[in-house]
Protein backbone atom coordinates (compact mmCIF):
# COMPACT_ATOMS: atom_id res chain seq x y z
CA UNK A 1 -125.34 -21.95 168.81
CA UNK A 2 -125.10 -18.87 170.92
CA UNK A 3 -123.35 -15.32 169.96
CA UNK A 4 -121.25 -13.84 172.16
CA UNK A 5 -118.39 -10.93 172.21
CA UNK A 6 -114.97 -10.84 172.88
CA UNK A 7 -115.32 -7.38 174.79
CA UNK A 8 -117.98 -8.17 177.08
CA UNK A 9 -117.60 -10.10 180.65
CA UNK A 10 -114.28 -8.77 181.41
CA UNK A 11 -114.13 -8.44 185.25
CA UNK A 12 -113.34 -4.91 186.85
CA UNK A 13 -111.20 -6.29 189.14
CA UNK A 14 -108.47 -8.32 187.31
CA UNK A 15 -105.67 -9.47 189.86
CA UNK A 16 -104.35 -12.06 187.08
CA UNK A 17 -104.74 -12.26 183.37
CA UNK A 18 -108.01 -13.72 182.32
CA UNK A 19 -107.22 -16.52 179.92
CA UNK A 20 -110.47 -18.17 178.41
CA UNK A 21 -110.59 -21.08 176.25
CA UNK A 22 -113.24 -20.34 173.46
CA UNK A 23 -113.05 -23.38 171.00
CA UNK A 24 -110.98 -26.29 170.61
CA UNK A 25 -110.65 -29.77 169.08
CA UNK A 26 -109.90 -31.49 172.20
CA UNK A 27 -106.83 -33.34 173.27
CA UNK A 28 -105.90 -34.96 169.87
CA UNK A 29 -102.43 -34.80 168.14
CA UNK A 30 -102.34 -31.75 166.11
CA UNK A 31 -105.15 -30.10 168.01
CA UNK A 32 -106.24 -26.40 167.72
CA UNK A 33 -107.34 -24.32 170.69
CA UNK A 34 -108.52 -20.60 170.40
CA UNK A 35 -108.48 -18.31 173.80
CA UNK A 36 -109.28 -15.01 174.47
CA UNK A 37 -106.62 -13.47 177.07
CA UNK A 38 -107.57 -10.23 178.90
CA UNK A 39 -104.67 -8.26 180.46
CA UNK A 40 -104.69 -4.73 182.40
CA UNK A 41 -100.96 -3.68 183.50
CA UNK A 42 -99.72 -7.41 183.28
CA UNK A 43 -96.56 -8.65 182.75
CA UNK A 44 -94.77 -12.15 183.07
CA UNK A 45 -92.95 -12.29 186.64
CA UNK A 46 -89.21 -11.67 186.25
CA UNK A 47 -87.34 -14.54 184.90
CA UNK A 48 -90.23 -16.38 183.67
CA UNK A 49 -90.32 -17.32 179.93
CA UNK A 50 -93.05 -19.30 177.94
CA UNK A 51 -91.74 -22.27 175.92
CA UNK A 52 -94.42 -24.12 174.49
CA UNK A 53 -94.86 -27.19 172.26
CA UNK A 54 -97.23 -25.48 170.43
CA UNK A 55 -97.17 -22.84 167.90
CA UNK A 56 -99.15 -19.74 168.95
CA UNK A 57 -100.62 -17.20 166.57
CA UNK A 58 -101.63 -14.23 168.51
CA UNK A 59 -103.78 -11.03 167.83
CA UNK A 60 -104.17 -8.19 169.56
CA UNK A 61 -107.58 -6.44 169.61
CA UNK A 62 -107.74 -3.90 171.78
CA UNK A 63 -104.83 -2.12 173.89
CA UNK A 64 -101.04 -2.09 173.93
CA UNK A 65 -98.57 -4.82 174.68
CA UNK A 66 -94.80 -5.72 174.27
CA UNK A 67 -93.47 -9.05 173.81
CA UNK A 68 -90.05 -10.07 174.50
CA UNK A 69 -88.01 -12.90 172.69
CA UNK A 70 -85.16 -14.75 174.21
CA UNK A 71 -83.30 -15.28 170.92
CA UNK A 72 -81.71 -12.06 170.11
CA UNK A 73 -83.50 -10.08 172.91
CA UNK A 74 -86.03 -8.82 170.58
CA UNK A 75 -88.78 -6.48 171.82
CA UNK A 76 -92.00 -6.48 169.83
CA UNK A 77 -94.31 -3.72 170.82
CA UNK A 78 -97.87 -4.40 169.47
CA UNK A 79 -100.86 -2.31 169.04
CA UNK A 80 -104.50 -2.84 167.98
CA UNK A 81 -104.40 -5.03 164.91
CA UNK A 82 -100.91 -6.28 165.17
CA UNK A 83 -100.59 -10.13 165.22
CA UNK A 84 -97.48 -12.44 165.33
CA UNK A 85 -96.77 -15.97 164.80
CA UNK A 86 -94.88 -17.70 167.47
CA UNK A 87 -93.21 -20.70 166.53
CA UNK A 88 -92.93 -23.79 168.87
CA UNK A 89 -90.48 -23.64 171.76
CA UNK A 90 -89.58 -20.08 170.58
CA UNK A 91 -89.16 -18.58 174.34
CA UNK A 92 -90.92 -15.52 174.98
CA UNK A 93 -92.54 -12.99 177.67
CA UNK A 94 -95.39 -10.78 178.04
CA UNK A 95 -92.80 -7.33 178.86
CA UNK A 96 -95.82 -5.39 179.37
CA UNK A 97 -99.18 -4.31 179.00
CA UNK A 98 -101.37 -1.38 179.13
CA UNK A 99 -102.20 -0.27 182.69
CA UNK A 100 -105.02 2.46 181.86
CA UNK A 101 -107.27 -0.20 179.57
CA UNK A 102 -107.85 -3.97 178.79
CA UNK A 103 -105.47 -5.66 176.30
CA UNK A 104 -107.52 -8.36 174.47
CA UNK A 105 -105.46 -10.77 172.92
CA UNK A 106 -106.85 -13.64 170.34
CA UNK A 107 -104.52 -16.40 170.81
CA UNK A 108 -104.40 -19.68 168.40
CA UNK A 109 -102.65 -22.47 169.68
CA UNK A 110 -101.79 -25.31 166.78
C-alpha cells in the first residue's frame, strides 16, 4: 500500500484535461470508479454534451469551474469544496474552468 497526494504529479503543460483512474471495482455491473480530473482553462467543445450511463458524484477540490446542464439550460458555478451528484443520462458539459490555476476534481462514477 502506497500513499499519494491528489495535488502532486500535475504536468506544467496541460494541453488537455488530465483524467486518471485512482480506484475502482472492475468492469462488473454496479461497478464504482474514482477519478482525478485536472483542468486548466479547459471546457467542453462547442455542442458537446456528456451523456453517461452511470451516475457521477463530483467534488471540486481546488480552483473554479462551471457546469452547464442541458435540461433547463442551468449553469452551476462551483468553487472549492462544492460538489454535485449528476444522475445517469443528465446531459451536461464543462462550461469553463479557471485559466489561472489548476482545477482539481474528484469524480466518483457509480
